[in-house]
């Protein structure tokens, strides 16, 4: 493999790992509400204040979840930070309640890097240098500070709402503020805001904001686009993620990732568990970052 591809993959993997993790919140999958179709009594564009309206709206969003446990697609993966703008071919494989996996394969050939999110950990594998990094969510500062764990990531990737603290989204309807197509909830230093489409069904954006006197403000801004039919529902095939990570010096680091899904499938014939080869060397995040600084 060309040396430049080696540099690109290390850079992509380390940037994602250093930017992307969670407080140990457990967020229940909002898709568990079942396939019941609920018609909201609220009028889009007007305030929704009653519990009946809130429950109807939250159920409408929950019921937009595709009726499949598996999503597999080839992807275009683009990451921008500072003057760097990198695009890599790849694949995304998701199995609800188990795993979110992104494999990077320049020109669609050999897999050279893998990012995998499971309930307990984040795994990044650098197949070029036969090394890997595995961490619990609370060890990755950005996800931790923004209250993002596996269930929250799953909701973001599947275009769903989530709620910190292990609460069911619909049952905790009173905790949400809903104003027309705007849905929000506050939890301590965290604020989560979503914008739905005009029918108050699909989410078109999600924003998680964490405010800290020590590190400033960190944000995870997730936008959805190019909806297509998938497993009986309309699903976004373009996910644009903006990351603003506050620092101890008060400055911020901005990273933008765009994942474009090209051929959605419901394939289930794949193993949800990645086994790290015995010959792979475990590395610390700081070691990977040091490699980047030498590129």
Protein backbone atom coordinates (compact mmCIF):
# COMPACT_ATOMS: atom_id res chain seq x y z
CA UNK A 1 0.00 0.00 0.00
CA UNK A 2 1.24 3.47 -0.85
CA UNK A 3 2.84 5.29 2.08
CA UNK A 4 0.52 8.28 1.67
CA UNK A 5 -2.46 6.01 2.37
CA UNK A 6 -0.75 4.94 5.58
CA UNK A 7 -0.48 8.56 6.67
CA UNK A 8 -4.10 9.28 5.77
CA UNK A 9 -5.51 6.36 7.75
CA UNK A 10 -3.47 7.09 10.86
CA UNK A 11 -4.55 10.71 10.70
CA UNK A 12 -8.24 9.85 10.25
CA UNK A 13 -8.25 7.25 13.02
CA UNK A 14 -6.43 9.41 15.53
CA UNK A 15 -8.47 12.53 14.80
CA UNK A 16 -11.70 10.63 15.28
CA UNK A 17 -10.48 9.00 18.47
CA UNK A 18 -9.14 12.21 19.94
CA UNK A 19 -12.34 14.08 19.14
CA UNK A 20 -14.98 11.53 19.55
CA UNK A 21 -16.78 9.49 23.90
CA UNK A 22 -19.25 9.58 27.56
CA UNK A 23 -20.39 9.96 31.02
CA UNK A 24 -21.52 6.53 32.03
CA UNK A 25 -25.07 7.33 31.08
CA UNK A 26 -27.39 4.59 29.96
CA UNK A 27 -29.80 5.82 27.33
CA UNK A 28 -32.65 3.55 26.38
CA UNK A 29 -33.16 2.89 22.67
CA UNK A 30 -36.09 5.05 21.64
CA UNK A 31 -36.98 2.56 18.92
CA UNK A 32 -38.28 0.14 21.52
CA UNK A 33 -41.68 1.79 21.48
CA UNK A 34 -42.87 -0.52 18.72
CA UNK A 35 -44.50 0.00 15.37
CA UNK A 36 -47.73 1.60 16.52
CA UNK A 37 -48.58 4.59 14.36
CA UNK A 38 -49.55 7.63 16.40
CA UNK A 39 -51.05 10.77 14.98
CA UNK A 40 -50.03 13.94 16.79
CA UNK A 41 -52.75 16.35 17.87
CA UNK A 42 -50.20 19.16 17.75
CA UNK A 43 -50.01 21.50 14.79
CA UNK A 44 -46.50 21.87 13.29
CA UNK A 45 -45.14 25.35 13.89
CA UNK A 46 -47.19 25.95 17.02
CA UNK A 47 -46.27 25.43 20.67
CA UNK A 48 -46.94 21.97 22.07
CA UNK A 49 -47.43 22.14 25.81
CA UNK A 50 -49.72 19.30 26.84
CA UNK A 51 -48.39 15.89 27.78
CA UNK A 52 -50.68 14.26 25.22
CA UNK A 53 -49.12 16.32 22.44
CA UNK A 54 -45.60 15.63 23.65
CA UNK A 55 -46.17 11.88 23.85
CA UNK A 56 -47.70 11.83 20.36
CA UNK A 57 -44.78 13.76 18.87
CA UNK A 58 -42.12 11.66 20.61
CA UNK A 59 -43.84 8.47 19.46
CA UNK A 60 -43.99 9.75 15.90
CA UNK A 61 -40.23 10.21 15.94
CA UNK A 62 -39.67 6.82 17.59
CA UNK A 63 -41.84 5.12 14.99
CA UNK A 64 -39.71 6.48 12.15
CA UNK A 65 -37.02 3.91 13.04
CA UNK A 66 -36.47 1.43 10.15
CA UNK A 67 -37.95 -1.99 10.78
CA UNK A 68 -34.63 -3.84 10.74
CA UNK A 69 -31.91 -4.59 13.27
CA UNK A 70 -29.16 -4.39 10.66
CA UNK A 71 -27.87 -1.67 8.35
CA UNK A 72 -24.90 -2.22 6.05
CA UNK A 73 -23.66 0.22 3.40
CA UNK A 74 -20.57 1.31 1.54
CA UNK A 75 -19.66 4.88 2.44
CA UNK A 76 -17.66 7.94 1.52
CA UNK A 77 -15.92 9.13 4.70
CA UNK A 78 -14.64 12.70 4.74
CA UNK A 79 -12.92 14.47 7.62
CA UNK A 80 -11.81 18.11 7.79
CA UNK A 81 -9.81 19.84 10.49
CA UNK A 82 -7.66 22.93 10.10
CA UNK A 83 -6.09 22.79 6.63
CA UNK A 84 -6.52 19.02 6.33
CA UNK A 85 -9.32 17.65 4.14
CA UNK A 86 -9.26 13.85 3.80
CA UNK A 87 -11.66 11.50 2.00
CA UNK A 88 -11.57 7.70 2.28
CA UNK A 89 -13.84 4.95 0.94
CA UNK A 90 -15.28 2.57 3.48
CA UNK A 91 -18.18 0.64 4.91
CA UNK A 92 -20.57 1.06 7.81
CA UNK A 93 -22.21 -1.88 9.58
CA UNK A 94 -24.71 -1.38 12.39
CA UNK A 95 -26.61 -3.95 14.43
CA UNK A 96 -29.07 -2.34 16.79
CA UNK A 97 -28.21 -2.63 20.48
CA UNK A 98 -24.86 -4.29 19.66
CA UNK A 99 -22.42 -2.44 17.43
CA UNK A 100 -21.64 0.50 15.14
CA UNK A 101 -18.65 -0.29 12.91
CA UNK A 102 -16.87 1.89 10.36
CA UNK A 103 -14.23 0.28 8.15
CA UNK A 104 -11.88 2.41 6.05
CA UNK A 105 -10.64 1.07 2.72
CA UNK A 106 -8.91 3.52 0.33
CA UNK A 107 -10.24 3.04 -3.22
CA UNK A 108 -12.54 0.33 -1.85
CA UNK A 109 -9.74 -2.24 -1.71
CA UNK A 110 -8.10 -3.57 1.46
CA UNK A 111 -9.36 -2.55 4.90
CA UNK A 112 -6.68 -0.51 6.61
CA UNK A 113 -8.52 0.90 9.59
CA UNK A 114 -11.57 0.17 11.72
CA UNK A 115 -13.57 2.14 14.28
CA UNK A 116 -16.02 0.16 16.35
CA UNK A 117 -18.47 1.28 19.04
CA UNK A 118 -20.06 -1.34 21.29
CA UNK A 119 -21.96 -0.98 24.55
CA UNK A 120 -18.82 -1.15 26.66
CA UNK A 121 -16.00 0.25 24.59
CA UNK A 122 -14.55 2.10 21.63
CA UNK A 123 -12.08 0.16 19.47
CA UNK A 124 -9.78 1.60 16.81
CA UNK A 125 -7.56 -0.67 14.74
CA UNK A 126 -4.65 0.45 12.56
CA UNK A 127 -4.10 -2.53 10.28
CA UNK A 128 -1.17 -0.89 8.51
CA UNK A 129 1.01 -0.85 11.61
CA UNK A 130 -0.79 -3.73 13.34
CA UNK A 131 -1.76 -1.73 16.40
CA UNK A 132 -4.99 -0.94 18.19
CA UNK A 133 -6.50 1.31 20.79
CA UNK A 134 -9.37 0.18 23.00
CA UNK A 135 -11.02 2.39 25.59
CA UNK A 136 -14.12 2.70 27.72
CA UNK A 137 -16.34 5.66 26.84
CA UNK A 138 -15.49 7.63 29.97
CA UNK A 139 -11.82 7.72 28.94
CA UNK A 140 -12.51 9.69 25.75
CA UNK A 141 -13.03 13.27 26.83
CA UNK A 142 -15.26 14.65 24.09
CA UNK A 143 -17.89 11.90 24.27
CA UNK A 144 -17.74 11.95 28.06
CA UNK A 145 -18.20 15.70 28.30
CA UNK A 146 -21.13 15.62 25.90
CA UNK A 147 -22.95 12.79 27.65
CA UNK A 148 -22.55 10.49 24.66
CA UNK A 149 -22.36 6.74 25.22
CA UNK A 150 -23.20 3.81 22.94
CA UNK A 151 -26.96 4.26 23.16
CA UNK A 152 -26.69 7.97 22.39
CA UNK A 153 -24.40 7.26 19.42
CA UNK A 154 -26.81 4.59 18.25
CA UNK A 155 -29.69 7.06 18.40
CA UNK A 156 -27.65 9.62 16.45
CA UNK A 157 -26.71 7.15 13.72
CA UNK A 158 -30.29 5.80 13.48
CA UNK A 159 -31.87 9.29 13.42
CA UNK A 160 -33.58 8.99 16.81
CA UNK A 161 -34.02 10.93 20.05
CA UNK A 162 -32.20 9.94 23.24
CA UNK A 163 -32.31 10.90 26.89
CA UNK A 164 -29.53 10.64 29.51
CA UNK A 165 -30.02 8.77 32.74
CA UNK A 166 -31.56 5.54 31.48
CA UNK A 167 -35.02 7.02 31.00
CA UNK A 168 -37.48 6.03 28.31
CA UNK A 169 -37.95 8.93 25.90
CA UNK A 170 -41.74 8.69 25.67
CA UNK A 171 -42.33 7.94 29.34
CA UNK A 172 -40.18 10.94 30.24
CA UNK A 173 -42.13 13.23 27.90
CA UNK A 174 -42.56 15.88 30.62
CA UNK A 175 -38.80 16.49 30.64
CA UNK A 176 -38.81 17.64 27.01
CA UNK A 177 -39.56 21.11 25.75
CA UNK A 178 -41.32 21.02 22.38
CA UNK A 179 -41.96 24.14 20.36
CA UNK A 180 -43.15 23.42 16.85
CA UNK A 181 -40.41 21.34 15.22
CA UNK A 182 -37.91 22.07 18.01
CA UNK A 183 -37.37 19.43 20.70
CA UNK A 184 -34.96 19.96 23.61
CA UNK A 185 -34.02 18.70 27.05
CA UNK A 186 -31.55 19.98 29.67
CA UNK A 187 -29.56 17.81 32.08
CA UNK A 188 -27.09 19.60 34.35
CA UNK A 189 -24.38 21.19 32.21
CA UNK A 190 -25.75 19.39 29.17
CA UNK A 191 -28.35 20.56 26.70
CA UNK A 192 -29.69 18.46 23.85
CA UNK A 193 -31.61 20.04 20.99
CA UNK A 194 -33.22 18.42 17.96
CA UNK A 195 -34.99 19.86 14.94
CA UNK A 196 -37.61 17.72 13.20
CA UNK A 197 -39.01 18.04 9.69
CA UNK A 198 -42.28 19.85 8.99
CA UNK A 199 -44.33 16.72 9.76
CA UNK A 200 -42.58 16.35 13.17
CA UNK A 201 -41.49 12.85 12.25
CA UNK A 202 -37.90 12.68 11.04
CA UNK A 203 -35.04 14.50 12.73
CA UNK A 204 -33.04 16.82 10.49
CA UNK A 205 -30.47 17.81 13.12
CA UNK A 206 -29.26 17.12 16.66
CA UNK A 207 -27.07 19.29 18.88
CA UNK A 208 -25.42 18.31 22.17
CA UNK A 209 -23.82 21.17 24.10
CA UNK A 210 -21.67 20.89 27.24
CA UNK A 211 -20.70 24.04 29.13
CA UNK A 212 -17.72 24.01 31.46
CA UNK A 213 -16.03 26.91 33.26
CA UNK A 214 -12.72 25.06 32.93
CA UNK A 215 -12.85 23.83 29.34
CA UNK A 216 -15.32 26.20 27.74
CA UNK A 217 -18.11 24.90 25.53
CA UNK A 218 -18.00 21.60 23.63
CA UNK A 219 -20.55 20.80 20.94
CA UNK A 220 -21.59 17.84 18.83
CA UNK A 221 -23.70 19.03 15.89
CA UNK A 222 -25.26 16.25 13.77
CA UNK A 223 -27.17 17.04 10.57
CA UNK A 224 -29.14 14.61 8.41
CA UNK A 225 -29.87 14.75 4.70
CA UNK A 226 -30.63 12.85 1.48
CA UNK A 227 -33.39 10.67 2.95
CA UNK A 228 -34.11 7.45 1.04
CA UNK A 229 -36.46 4.51 1.50
CA UNK A 230 -34.91 1.80 3.68
CA UNK A 231 -36.58 -1.15 5.44
CA UNK A 232 -40.02 0.39 5.14
CA UNK A 233 -39.03 3.85 6.40
CA UNK A 234 -37.33 7.00 5.18
CA UNK A 235 -33.71 7.09 6.34
CA UNK A 236 -30.95 9.74 6.01
CA UNK A 237 -27.99 8.64 3.91
CA UNK A 238 -25.93 11.76 4.59
CA UNK A 239 -24.67 12.37 8.14
CA UNK A 240 -22.69 15.57 8.69
CA UNK A 241 -21.05 15.77 12.11
CA UNK A 242 -19.47 18.94 13.46
CA UNK A 243 -17.32 18.65 16.57
CA UNK A 244 -16.16 21.60 18.66
CA UNK A 245 -14.01 20.47 21.56
CA UNK A 246 -13.15 22.98 24.28
CA UNK A 247 -9.65 22.93 25.77
CA UNK A 248 -8.18 23.75 29.17
CA UNK A 249 -6.67 26.88 27.61
CA UNK A 250 -10.13 28.09 26.64
CA UNK A 251 -9.58 27.62 22.91
CA UNK A 252 -11.46 25.09 20.79
CA UNK A 253 -10.70 22.42 18.20
CA UNK A 254 -13.05 21.97 15.26
CA UNK A 255 -13.48 18.74 13.32
CA UNK A 256 -16.06 18.04 10.63
CA UNK A 257 -16.97 14.55 9.45
CA UNK A 258 -19.34 13.66 6.63
CA UNK A 259 -20.48 10.07 6.13
CA UNK A 260 -22.34 9.42 2.89
CA UNK A 261 -24.07 6.02 2.64
CA UNK A 262 -24.35 4.73 -0.93
CA UNK A 263 -26.27 1.43 -0.94
CA UNK A 264 -28.24 0.60 2.19
CA UNK A 265 -28.83 -3.09 2.85
CA UNK A 266 -30.31 -5.15 5.70
CA UNK A 267 -27.62 -7.86 5.60
CA UNK A 268 -27.38 -9.86 8.83
CA UNK A 269 -24.68 -12.36 7.82
CA UNK A 270 -21.77 -10.70 9.60
CA UNK A 271 -20.12 -11.06 12.99
CA UNK A 272 -20.87 -8.21 15.39
CA UNK A 273 -17.70 -8.89 17.37
CA UNK A 274 -14.22 -7.86 16.24
CA UNK A 275 -11.38 -10.01 17.49
CA UNK A 276 -8.09 -8.17 17.68
CA UNK A 277 -5.27 -10.35 16.27
CA UNK A 278 -2.80 -11.49 18.92
CA UNK A 279 0.11 -9.93 17.01
CA UNK A 280 -1.45 -6.44 17.21
CA UNK A 281 0.15 -4.07 19.69
CA UNK A 282 -2.01 -2.03 22.08
CA UNK A 283 -1.20 1.69 22.02
CA UNK A 284 -2.19 4.73 24.02
CA UNK A 285 -4.01 7.66 22.42
CA UNK A 286 -1.04 9.96 23.10
CA UNK A 287 1.24 7.61 21.13
CA UNK A 288 -1.04 7.75 18.10
CA UNK A 289 -1.22 11.56 18.31
CA UNK A 290 2.59 11.71 18.47
CA UNK A 291 2.69 9.78 15.19
CA UNK A 292 0.36 12.33 13.62
CA UNK A 293 2.63 15.20 14.67
CA UNK A 294 5.43 13.59 12.70
CA UNK A 295 3.40 13.37 9.48
